[in-house]
Amino acid sequence: MRNKKYEEFDKVDEDKLWKQFAKSKDNDLRNYFVEKYAPLVKYVAGKISIGMPHNIEFDDLVSYGVFGLIDAINKFDFNRNIKFKTYAMTRIRGAIFDELRSIDWIPRSIRQKAKQLEQVIAELENKLGRTVEDEEIARELGVSSEEFQTLLNKLSGTALMSLNDIWYLGDDSDELSILETLEAPENMNPDILIEKEEIRDYIIEAIKKLPDKEKKVIVLYYYEDLTLKEIGEVLEVTESRVSQLHTKAIMRLRGRLGRIKSNIMG
């Protein structure tokens, strides 16, 4: 039987409910928002589950995502002109990947190969001053084109992560997150806020420089929120090919942003 209060909430404009919740932090209202936006958690978990190994259960991803949804509800500021759905999806995705990282679900051998590929792409592009092709990467790795495509498929799970994480991967002591630029800035040092805006600009600039198909995959997946299958239909390629394009794009971005970060920090 559905809570009668929820039925009353249904009749009220949602902006008014957010204003009410901001003042009262009412538990019934919080639970109402959790129930209302629960399908969003399943949707995000469903997207992330594509490409994950079999030992990662969909229900586990959902349970991780619920923490992100609750966090989003508690921290949402309706005055910032950001749709709650947009804000919540970022928080849900972040919570899922935080938990996946904490349980260290990626085998060490795969992690090492991902790091090697990232370094090879970064060094080649730095040396040549341009975007490198698959054949050039394969040659540098000492593998055939077919073996390179197989490697991309193996690494697809490591690359399915939020763009908000890219800048900070591998640096556990760095607590800044692009995600925080969405949060209310009242308690935030203005210098830190400016720094975060600059970092977001670096990421956007790096995306713009990606090869056309890789750029489209990133935009459609993260910004238009399409699934890999839907992106395949738009680009008229297989879902597997979309996954490969996504992996390459993430490796390029990590390499390029890593260089920028070392220049800034160095």
C-alpha atoms as a PDB file:
ATOM      1  CA  MET A   1       0.000   0.000   0.000  1.00  0.00           C
ATOM      2  CA  ARG A   2       1.480   3.358  -1.070  1.00  0.00           C
ATOM      3  CA  ASN A   3       2.083   5.978   1.601  1.00  0.00           C
ATOM      4  CA  LYS A   4      -0.823   8.468   1.621  1.00  0.00           C
ATOM      5  CA  LYS A   5       1.609  11.332   2.072  1.00  0.00           C
ATOM      6  CA  TYR A   6       3.227  10.383  -1.253  1.00  0.00           C
ATOM      7  CA  GLU A   7      -0.137  10.761  -2.981  1.00  0.00           C
ATOM      8  CA  GLU A   8      -0.425  14.238  -1.474  1.00  0.00           C
ATOM      9  CA  PHE A   9       3.087  15.087  -2.656  1.00  0.00           C
ATOM     10  CA  ASP A  10       2.128  13.981  -6.183  1.00  0.00           C
ATOM     11  CA  LYS A  11      -0.363  16.852  -6.341  1.00  0.00           C
ATOM     12  CA  VAL A  12       2.222  19.526  -5.477  1.00  0.00           C
ATOM     13  CA  ASP A  13       4.557  21.234  -7.953  1.00  0.00           C
ATOM     14  CA  GLU A  14       7.997  19.613  -7.615  1.00  0.00           C
ATOM     15  CA  ASP A  15       9.849  22.935  -7.238  1.00  0.00           C
ATOM     16  CA  LYS A  16       7.704  23.645  -4.180  1.00  0.00           C
ATOM     17  CA  LEU A  17       8.574  20.228  -2.780  1.00  0.00           C
ATOM     18  CA  TRP A  18      12.296  20.918  -3.206  1.00  0.00           C
ATOM     19  CA  LYS A  19      11.927  24.266  -1.426  1.00  0.00           C
ATOM     20  CA  GLN A  20      10.057  22.514   1.374  1.00  0.00           C
ATOM     21  CA  PHE A  21      12.706  19.798   1.625  1.00  0.00           C
ATOM     22  CA  ALA A  22      15.549  22.351   1.670  1.00  0.00           C
ATOM     23  CA  LYS A  23      14.031  23.897   4.785  1.00  0.00           C
ATOM     24  CA  SER A  24      12.690  20.837   6.604  1.00  0.00           C
ATOM     25  CA  LYS A  25      14.817  17.858   5.416  1.00  0.00           C
ATOM     26  CA  ASP A  26      11.578  15.934   6.014  1.00  0.00           C
ATOM     27  CA  ASN A  27      12.172  12.180   6.000  1.00  0.00           C
ATOM     28  CA  ASP A  28       8.858  11.363   4.271  1.00  0.00           C
ATOM     29  CA  LEU A  29       9.708  13.823   1.517  1.00  0.00           C
ATOM     30  CA  ARG A  30      13.192  12.369   1.142  1.00  0.00           C
ATOM     31  CA  ASN A  31      11.723   8.860   0.822  1.00  0.00           C
ATOM     32  CA  TYR A  32       9.182  10.188  -1.682  1.00  0.00           C
ATOM     33  CA  PHE A  33      12.011  11.495  -3.888  1.00  0.00           C
ATOM     34  CA  VAL A  34      13.881   8.185  -3.514  1.00  0.00           C
ATOM     35  CA  GLU A  35      10.786   6.286  -4.709  1.00  0.00           C
ATOM     36  CA  LYS A  36      10.094   8.739  -7.528  1.00  0.00           C
ATOM     37  CA  TYR A  37      13.627   8.639  -8.926  1.00  0.00           C
ATOM     38  CA  ALA A  38      14.413   4.965  -8.230  1.00  0.00           C
ATOM     39  CA  PRO A  39      13.916   4.089 -11.947  1.00  0.00           C
ATOM     40  CA  LEU A  40      16.790   6.476 -12.693  1.00  0.00           C
ATOM     41  CA  VAL A  41      19.114   4.295 -10.604  1.00  0.00           C
ATOM     42  CA  LYS A  42      18.140   1.197 -12.609  1.00  0.00           C
ATOM     43  CA  TYR A  43      18.626   3.092 -15.856  1.00  0.00           C
ATOM     44  CA  VAL A  44      22.155   4.256 -14.935  1.00  0.00           C
ATOM     45  CA  ALA A  45      23.059   0.816 -13.523  1.00  0.00           C
ATOM     46  CA  GLY A  46      21.806  -0.760 -16.751  1.00  0.00           C
ATOM     47  CA  LYS A  47      24.068   1.465 -18.832  1.00  0.00           C
ATOM     48  CA  ILE A  48      27.079   0.733 -16.655  1.00  0.00           C
ATOM     49  CA  SER A  49      26.414  -3.025 -16.587  1.00  0.00           C
ATOM     50  CA  ILE A  50      27.062  -3.230 -20.339  1.00  0.00           C
ATOM     51  CA  GLY A  51      30.627  -4.427 -20.761  1.00  0.00           C
ATOM     52  CA  MET A  52      31.055  -5.409 -17.127  1.00  0.00           C
ATOM     53  CA  PRO A  53      32.384  -8.890 -16.306  1.00  0.00           C
ATOM     54  CA  HIS A  54      29.867 -11.550 -15.243  1.00  0.00           C
ATOM     55  CA  ASN A  55      30.887 -11.419 -11.585  1.00  0.00           C
ATOM     56  CA  ILE A  56      29.444  -7.877 -11.334  1.00  0.00           C
ATOM     57  CA  GLU A  57      25.731  -8.275 -10.570  1.00  0.00           C
ATOM     58  CA  PHE A  58      23.201  -5.751 -11.875  1.00  0.00           C
ATOM     59  CA  ASP A  59      21.434  -5.706  -8.476  1.00  0.00           C
ATOM     60  CA  ASP A  60      24.726  -4.771  -6.796  1.00  0.00           C
ATOM     61  CA  LEU A  61      25.144  -1.835  -9.169  1.00  0.00           C
ATOM     62  CA  VAL A  62      21.604  -0.719  -8.318  1.00  0.00           C
ATOM     63  CA  SER A  63      22.287  -0.892  -4.575  1.00  0.00           C
ATOM     64  CA  TYR A  64      25.476   1.179  -5.027  1.00  0.00           C
ATOM     65  CA  GLY A  65      23.510   3.690  -7.109  1.00  0.00           C
ATOM     66  CA  VAL A  66      20.815   4.141  -4.456  1.00  0.00           C
ATOM     67  CA  PHE A  67      23.465   5.690  -2.169  1.00  0.00           C
ATOM     68  CA  GLY A  68      24.254   8.151  -4.950  1.00  0.00           C
ATOM     69  CA  LEU A  69      20.565   9.014  -5.346  1.00  0.00           C
ATOM     70  CA  ILE A  70      20.148   9.657  -1.603  1.00  0.00           C
ATOM     71  CA  ASP A  71      23.311  11.781  -1.652  1.00  0.00           C
ATOM     72  CA  ALA A  72      21.924  13.753  -4.621  1.00  0.00           C
ATOM     73  CA  ILE A  73      18.612  14.366  -2.841  1.00  0.00           C
ATOM     74  CA  ASN A  74      20.373  15.584   0.305  1.00  0.00           C
ATOM     75  CA  LYS A  75      22.722  17.924  -1.581  1.00  0.00           C
ATOM     76  CA  PHE A  76      20.503  19.177  -4.424  1.00  0.00           C
ATOM     77  CA  ASP A  77      20.156  22.959  -4.665  1.00  0.00           C
ATOM     78  CA  PHE A  78      17.111  23.872  -6.795  1.00  0.00           C
ATOM     79  CA  ASN A  79      18.303  27.511  -6.953  1.00  0.00           C
ATOM     80  CA  ARG A  80      21.176  26.604  -9.270  1.00  0.00           C
ATOM     81  CA  ASN A  81      18.933  26.025 -12.323  1.00  0.00           C
ATOM     82  CA  ILE A  82      20.140  22.459 -12.784  1.00  0.00           C
ATOM     83  CA  LYS A  83      17.556  19.759 -13.399  1.00  0.00           C
ATOM     84  CA  PHE A  84      17.513  17.256 -10.549  1.00  0.00           C
ATOM     85  CA  LYS A  85      17.544  14.361 -13.017  1.00  0.00           C
ATOM     86  CA  THR A  86      20.813  15.600 -14.563  1.00  0.00           C
ATOM     87  CA  TYR A  87      22.426  16.161 -11.173  1.00  0.00           C
ATOM     88  CA  ALA A  88      21.203  12.832  -9.790  1.00  0.00           C
ATOM     89  CA  MET A  89      22.481  10.803 -12.745  1.00  0.00           C
ATOM     90  CA  THR A  90      25.974  12.218 -12.229  1.00  0.00           C
ATOM     91  CA  ARG A  91      25.841  11.382  -8.501  1.00  0.00           C
ATOM     92  CA  ILE A  92      24.419   7.885  -9.109  1.00  0.00           C
ATOM     93  CA  ARG A  93      27.073   7.081 -11.699  1.00  0.00           C
ATOM     94  CA  GLY A  94      29.794   8.418  -9.401  1.00  0.00           C
ATOM     95  CA  ALA A  95      28.576   6.346  -6.436  1.00  0.00           C
ATOM     96  CA  ILE A  96      28.554   3.155  -8.524  1.00  0.00           C
ATOM     97  CA  PHE A  97      32.102   3.686  -9.785  1.00  0.00           C
ATOM     98  CA  ASP A  98      33.347   4.684  -6.339  1.00  0.00           C
ATOM     99  CA  GLU A  99      32.114   1.352  -5.002  1.00  0.00           C
ATOM    100  CA  LEU A 100      33.506  -0.604  -7.969  1.00  0.00           C
ATOM    101  CA  ARG A 101      36.902   0.982  -7.395  1.00  0.00           C
ATOM    102  CA  SER A 102      36.763   0.187  -3.683  1.00  0.00           C
ATOM    103  CA  ILE A 103      36.185  -3.517  -4.373  1.00  0.00           C
ATOM    104  CA  ASP A 104      38.960  -3.441  -7.010  1.00  0.00           C
ATOM    105  CA  TRP A 105      36.943  -5.395  -9.587  1.00  0.00           C
ATOM    106  CA  ILE A 106      39.398  -5.002 -12.476  1.00  0.00           C
ATOM    107  CA  PRO A 107      42.015  -7.828 -12.658  1.00  0.00           C
ATOM    108  CA  ARG A 108      45.562  -6.510 -12.239  1.00  0.00           C
ATOM    109  CA  SER A 109      46.670  -7.849 -15.639  1.00  0.00           C
ATOM    110  CA  ILE A 110      43.887  -5.914 -17.398  1.00  0.00           C
ATOM    111  CA  ARG A 111      44.684  -2.792 -15.397  1.00  0.00           C
ATOM    112  CA  GLN A 112      48.356  -3.034 -16.443  1.00  0.00           C
ATOM    113  CA  LYS A 113      47.412  -3.444 -20.115  1.00  0.00           C
ATOM    114  CA  ALA A 114      45.087  -0.441 -19.911  1.00  0.00           C
ATOM    115  CA  LYS A 115      47.918   1.646 -18.413  1.00  0.00           C
ATOM    116  CA  GLN A 116      50.335   0.449 -21.103  1.00  0.00           C
ATOM    117  CA  LEU A 117      47.890   1.341 -23.892  1.00  0.00           C
ATOM    118  CA  GLU A 118      47.211   4.747 -22.360  1.00  0.00           C
ATOM    119  CA  GLN A 119      50.968   5.471 -22.201  1.00  0.00           C
ATOM    120  CA  VAL A 120      51.614   4.273 -25.766  1.00  0.00           C
ATOM    121  CA  ILE A 121      48.835   6.471 -27.193  1.00  0.00           C
ATOM    122  CA  ALA A 122      49.973   9.482 -25.128  1.00  0.00           C
ATOM    123  CA  GLU A 123      53.646   9.102 -26.132  1.00  0.00           C
ATOM    124  CA  LEU A 124      52.862   8.558 -29.822  1.00  0.00           C
ATOM    125  CA  GLU A 125      50.502  11.522 -30.031  1.00  0.00           C
ATOM    126  CA  ASN A 126      52.971  13.703 -28.130  1.00  0.00           C
ATOM    127  CA  LYS A 127      55.815  12.702 -30.447  1.00  0.00           C
ATOM    128  CA  LEU A 128      53.841  13.028 -33.694  1.00  0.00           C
ATOM    129  CA  GLY A 129      51.753  16.004 -32.624  1.00  0.00           C
ATOM    130  CA  ARG A 130      48.529  14.512 -33.989  1.00  0.00           C
ATOM    131  CA  THR A 131      45.867  11.871 -33.406  1.00  0.00           C
ATOM    132  CA  VAL A 132      47.289   8.395 -34.102  1.00  0.00           C
ATOM    133  CA  GLU A 133      45.521   5.630 -36.015  1.00  0.00           C
ATOM    134  CA  ASP A 134      44.800   2.066 -34.853  1.00  0.00           C
ATOM    135  CA  GLU A 135      47.536   0.605 -37.083  1.00  0.00           C
ATOM    136  CA  GLU A 136      50.163   2.921 -35.574  1.00  0.00           C
ATOM    137  CA  ILE A 137      49.130   2.014 -32.022  1.00  0.00           C
ATOM    138  CA  ALA A 138      49.152  -1.713 -32.847  1.00  0.00           C
ATOM    139  CA  ARG A 139      52.616  -1.412 -34.432  1.00  0.00           C
ATOM    140  CA  GLU A 140      53.968   0.370 -31.362  1.00  0.00           C
ATOM    141  CA  LEU A 141      52.480  -2.341 -29.118  1.00  0.00           C
ATOM    142  CA  GLY A 142      53.991  -5.035 -31.347  1.00  0.00           C
ATOM    143  CA  VAL A 143      50.652  -6.702 -32.116  1.00  0.00           C
ATOM    144  CA  SER A 144      48.512  -7.219 -35.216  1.00  0.00           C
ATOM    145  CA  SER A 145      45.463  -5.031 -35.959  1.00  0.00           C
ATOM    146  CA  GLU A 146      43.213  -7.990 -35.037  1.00  0.00           C
ATOM    147  CA  GLU A 147      45.017  -8.474 -31.705  1.00  0.00           C
ATOM    148  CA  PHE A 148      44.674  -4.747 -31.007  1.00  0.00           C
ATOM    149  CA  GLN A 149      40.895  -4.883 -31.561  1.00  0.00           C
ATOM    150  CA  THR A 150      40.701  -7.894 -29.218  1.00  0.00           C
ATOM    151  CA  LEU A 151      42.671  -5.933 -26.599  1.00  0.00           C
ATOM    152  CA  LEU A 152      40.222  -3.020 -26.880  1.00  0.00           C
ATOM    153  CA  ASN A 153      37.332  -5.423 -26.242  1.00  0.00           C
ATOM    154  CA  LYS A 154      39.066  -6.766 -23.113  1.00  0.00           C
ATOM    155  CA  LEU A 155      39.655  -3.261 -21.816  1.00  0.00           C
ATOM    156  CA  SER A 156      36.112  -2.009 -22.437  1.00  0.00           C
ATOM    157  CA  GLY A 157      35.047  -2.546 -18.810  1.00  0.00           C
ATOM    158  CA  THR A 158      37.927  -0.432 -17.490  1.00  0.00           C
ATOM    159  CA  ALA A 159      36.912   2.451 -19.737  1.00  0.00           C
ATOM    160  CA  LEU A 160      33.222   2.525 -18.796  1.00  0.00           C
ATOM    161  CA  MET A 161      33.616   5.201 -16.219  1.00  0.00           C
ATOM    162  CA  SER A 162      32.344   8.684 -15.666  1.00  0.00           C
ATOM    163  CA  LEU A 163      34.154  11.465 -17.466  1.00  0.00           C
ATOM    164  CA  ASN A 164      34.131  13.205 -14.094  1.00  0.00           C
ATOM    165  CA  ASP A 165      36.729  10.706 -12.897  1.00  0.00           C
ATOM    166  CA  ILE A 166      39.267  11.009 -15.706  1.00  0.00           C
ATOM    167  CA  TRP A 167      41.313  13.895 -14.344  1.00  0.00           C
ATOM    168  CA  TYR A 168      41.856  12.234 -10.983  1.00  0.00           C
ATOM    169  CA  LEU A 169      42.407   8.572 -11.846  1.00  0.00           C
ATOM    170  CA  GLY A 170      45.298   6.989 -10.002  1.00  0.00           C
ATOM    171  CA  ASP A 171      45.701   9.846  -7.552  1.00  0.00           C
ATOM    172  CA  ASP A 172      43.852   8.803  -4.421  1.00  0.00           C
ATOM    173  CA  SER A 173      45.094  11.771  -2.422  1.00  0.00           C
ATOM    174  CA  ASP A 174      43.431  14.214  -4.815  1.00  0.00           C
ATOM    175  CA  GLU A 175      39.923  14.796  -3.506  1.00  0.00           C
ATOM    176  CA  LEU A 176      38.813  17.379  -6.061  1.00  0.00           C
ATOM    177  CA  SER A 177      36.168  16.230  -8.522  1.00  0.00           C
ATOM    178  CA  ILE A 178      34.610  17.831 -11.582  1.00  0.00           C
ATOM    179  CA  LEU A 179      31.338  16.614 -10.108  1.00  0.00           C
ATOM    180  CA  GLU A 180      31.652  19.193  -7.346  1.00  0.00           C
ATOM    181  CA  THR A 181      31.312  22.050  -9.849  1.00  0.00           C
ATOM    182  CA  LEU A 182      27.600  21.166  -9.887  1.00  0.00           C
ATOM    183  CA  GLU A 183      27.261  21.654  -6.158  1.00  0.00           C
ATOM    184  CA  ALA A 184      26.248  24.828  -4.350  1.00  0.00           C
ATOM    185  CA  PRO A 185      29.385  26.985  -4.028  1.00  0.00           C
ATOM    186  CA  GLU A 186      28.532  28.833  -0.788  1.00  0.00           C
ATOM    187  CA  ASN A 187      31.075  26.966   1.312  1.00  0.00           C
ATOM    188  CA  MET A 188      33.643  26.623  -1.430  1.00  0.00           C
ATOM    189  CA  ASN A 189      36.862  28.619  -1.647  1.00  0.00           C
ATOM    190  CA  PRO A 190      36.555  30.851  -4.780  1.00  0.00           C
ATOM    191  CA  ASP A 191      40.085  29.872  -5.871  1.00  0.00           C
ATOM    192  CA  ILE A 192      39.145  26.191  -5.808  1.00  0.00           C
ATOM    193  CA  LEU A 193      35.957  26.940  -7.728  1.00  0.00           C
ATOM    194  CA  ILE A 194      37.934  28.723 -10.460  1.00  0.00           C
ATOM    195  CA  GLU A 195      40.376  25.821 -10.611  1.00  0.00           C
ATOM    196  CA  LYS A 196      37.536  23.352 -11.095  1.00  0.00           C
ATOM    197  CA  GLU A 197      36.029  25.428 -13.889  1.00  0.00           C
ATOM    198  CA  GLU A 198      39.428  25.474 -15.606  1.00  0.00           C
ATOM    199  CA  ILE A 199      39.770  21.699 -15.308  1.00  0.00           C
ATOM    200  CA  ARG A 200      36.318  21.203 -16.818  1.00  0.00           C
ATOM    201  CA  ASP A 201      37.416  23.428 -19.719  1.00  0.00           C
ATOM    202  CA  TYR A 202      40.503  21.228 -20.221  1.00  0.00           C
ATOM    203  CA  ILE A 203      38.285  18.147 -20.469  1.00  0.00           C
ATOM    204  CA  ILE A 204      35.893  19.797 -22.946  1.00  0.00           C
ATOM    205  CA  GLU A 205      38.846  20.961 -25.076  1.00  0.00           C
ATOM    206  CA  ALA A 206      40.359  17.461 -25.043  1.00  0.00           C
ATOM    207  CA  ILE A 207      37.016  15.965 -26.171  1.00  0.00           C
ATOM    208  CA  LYS A 208      36.811  18.445 -29.063  1.00  0.00           C
ATOM    209  CA  LYS A 209      40.188  17.201 -30.359  1.00  0.00           C
ATOM    210  CA  LEU A 210      39.134  13.533 -30.490  1.00  0.00           C
ATOM    211  CA  PRO A 211      38.672  11.820 -33.884  1.00  0.00           C
ATOM    212  CA  ASP A 212      35.146  12.418 -35.177  1.00  0.00           C
ATOM    213  CA  LYS A 213      33.593   9.021 -34.375  1.00  0.00           C
ATOM    214  CA  GLU A 214      35.195   8.820 -30.925  1.00  0.00           C
ATOM    215  CA  LYS A 215      33.989  12.341 -30.138  1.00  0.00           C
ATOM    216  CA  LYS A 216      30.444  11.409 -31.214  1.00  0.00           C
ATOM    217  CA  VAL A 217      30.499   8.314 -28.984  1.00  0.00           C
ATOM    218  CA  ILE A 218      31.578  10.376 -25.952  1.00  0.00           C
ATOM    219  CA  VAL A 219      28.977  13.100 -26.588  1.00  0.00           C
ATOM    220  CA  LEU A 220      26.148  10.624 -27.257  1.00  0.00           C
ATOM    221  CA  TYR A 221      27.020   8.406 -24.274  1.00  0.00           C
ATOM    222  CA  TYR A 222      27.749  11.012 -21.585  1.00  0.00           C
ATOM    223  CA  TYR A 223      25.850  14.080 -22.709  1.00  0.00           C
ATOM    224  CA  GLU A 224      22.923  12.710 -24.746  1.00  0.00           C
ATOM    225  CA  ASP A 225      22.707   9.650 -22.480  1.00  0.00           C
ATOM    226  CA  LEU A 226      22.274   7.061 -25.238  1.00  0.00           C
ATOM    227  CA  THR A 227      23.160   3.400 -24.681  1.00  0.00           C
ATOM    228  CA  LEU A 228      25.985   1.776 -26.658  1.00  0.00           C
ATOM    229  CA  LYS A 229      23.382  -0.055 -28.745  1.00  0.00           C
ATOM    230  CA  GLU A 230      21.550   3.200 -29.552  1.00  0.00           C
ATOM    231  CA  ILE A 231      24.843   4.894 -30.463  1.00  0.00           C
ATOM    232  CA  GLY A 232      25.599   1.979 -32.802  1.00  0.00           C
ATOM    233  CA  GLU A 233      22.310   2.619 -34.603  1.00  0.00           C
ATOM    234  CA  VAL A 234      23.108   6.339 -34.948  1.00  0.00           C
ATOM    235  CA  LEU A 235      26.641   5.714 -36.263  1.00  0.00           C
ATOM    236  CA  GLU A 236      25.591   2.595 -38.228  1.00  0.00           C
ATOM    237  CA  VAL A 237      28.201   0.369 -36.580  1.00  0.00           C
ATOM    238  CA  THR A 238      27.971  -2.605 -34.225  1.00  0.00           C
ATOM    239  CA  GLU A 239      27.644  -2.241 -30.462  1.00  0.00           C
ATOM    240  CA  SER A 240      31.048  -3.933 -30.141  1.00  0.00           C
ATOM    241  CA  ARG A 241      32.600  -1.286 -32.399  1.00  0.00           C
ATOM    242  CA  VAL A 242      31.027   1.493 -30.302  1.00  0.00           C
ATOM    243  CA  SER A 243      32.577  -0.084 -27.207  1.00  0.00           C
ATOM    244  CA  GLN A 244      36.000  -0.086 -28.924  1.00  0.00           C
ATOM    245  CA  LEU A 245      35.611   3.566 -29.982  1.00  0.00           C
ATOM    246  CA  HIS A 246      34.633   4.469 -26.418  1.00  0.00           C
ATOM    247  CA  THR A 247      37.670   2.673 -24.977  1.00  0.00           C
ATOM    248  CA  LYS A 248      40.053   4.417 -27.393  1.00  0.00           C
ATOM    249  CA  ALA A 249      38.483   7.801 -26.636  1.00  0.00           C
ATOM    250  CA  ILE A 250      38.901   7.312 -22.883  1.00  0.00           C
ATOM    251  CA  MET A 251      42.529   6.185 -23.320  1.00  0.00           C
ATOM    252  CA  ARG A 252      43.287   9.248 -25.452  1.00  0.00           C
ATOM    253  CA  LEU A 253      41.584  11.576 -22.972  1.00  0.00           C
ATOM    254  CA  ARG A 254      43.411  10.085 -20.017  1.00  0.00           C
ATOM    255  CA  GLY A 255      46.742  10.401 -21.813  1.00  0.00           C
ATOM    256  CA  ARG A 256      46.162  13.988 -22.910  1.00  0.00           C
ATOM    257  CA  LEU A 257      44.748  15.130 -19.585  1.00  0.00           C
ATOM    258  CA  GLY A 258      47.574  13.352 -17.783  1.00  0.00           C
ATOM    259  CA  ARG A 259      50.087  15.424 -19.766  1.00  0.00           C
ATOM    260  CA  ILE A 260      48.194  18.645 -19.011  1.00  0.00           C
ATOM    261  CA  LYS A 261      47.948  17.719 -15.342  1.00  0.00           C
ATOM    262  CA  SER A 262      51.692  16.945 -15.045  1.00  0.00           C
ATOM    263  CA  ASN A 263      52.539  20.266 -16.735  1.00  0.00           C
ATOM    264  CA  ILE A 264      50.285  22.153 -14.292  1.00  0.00           C
ATOM    265  CA  MET A 265      51.397  20.264 -11.200  1.00  0.00           C
ATOM    266  CA  GLY A 266      55.032  20.063 -12.298  1.00  0.00           C
END
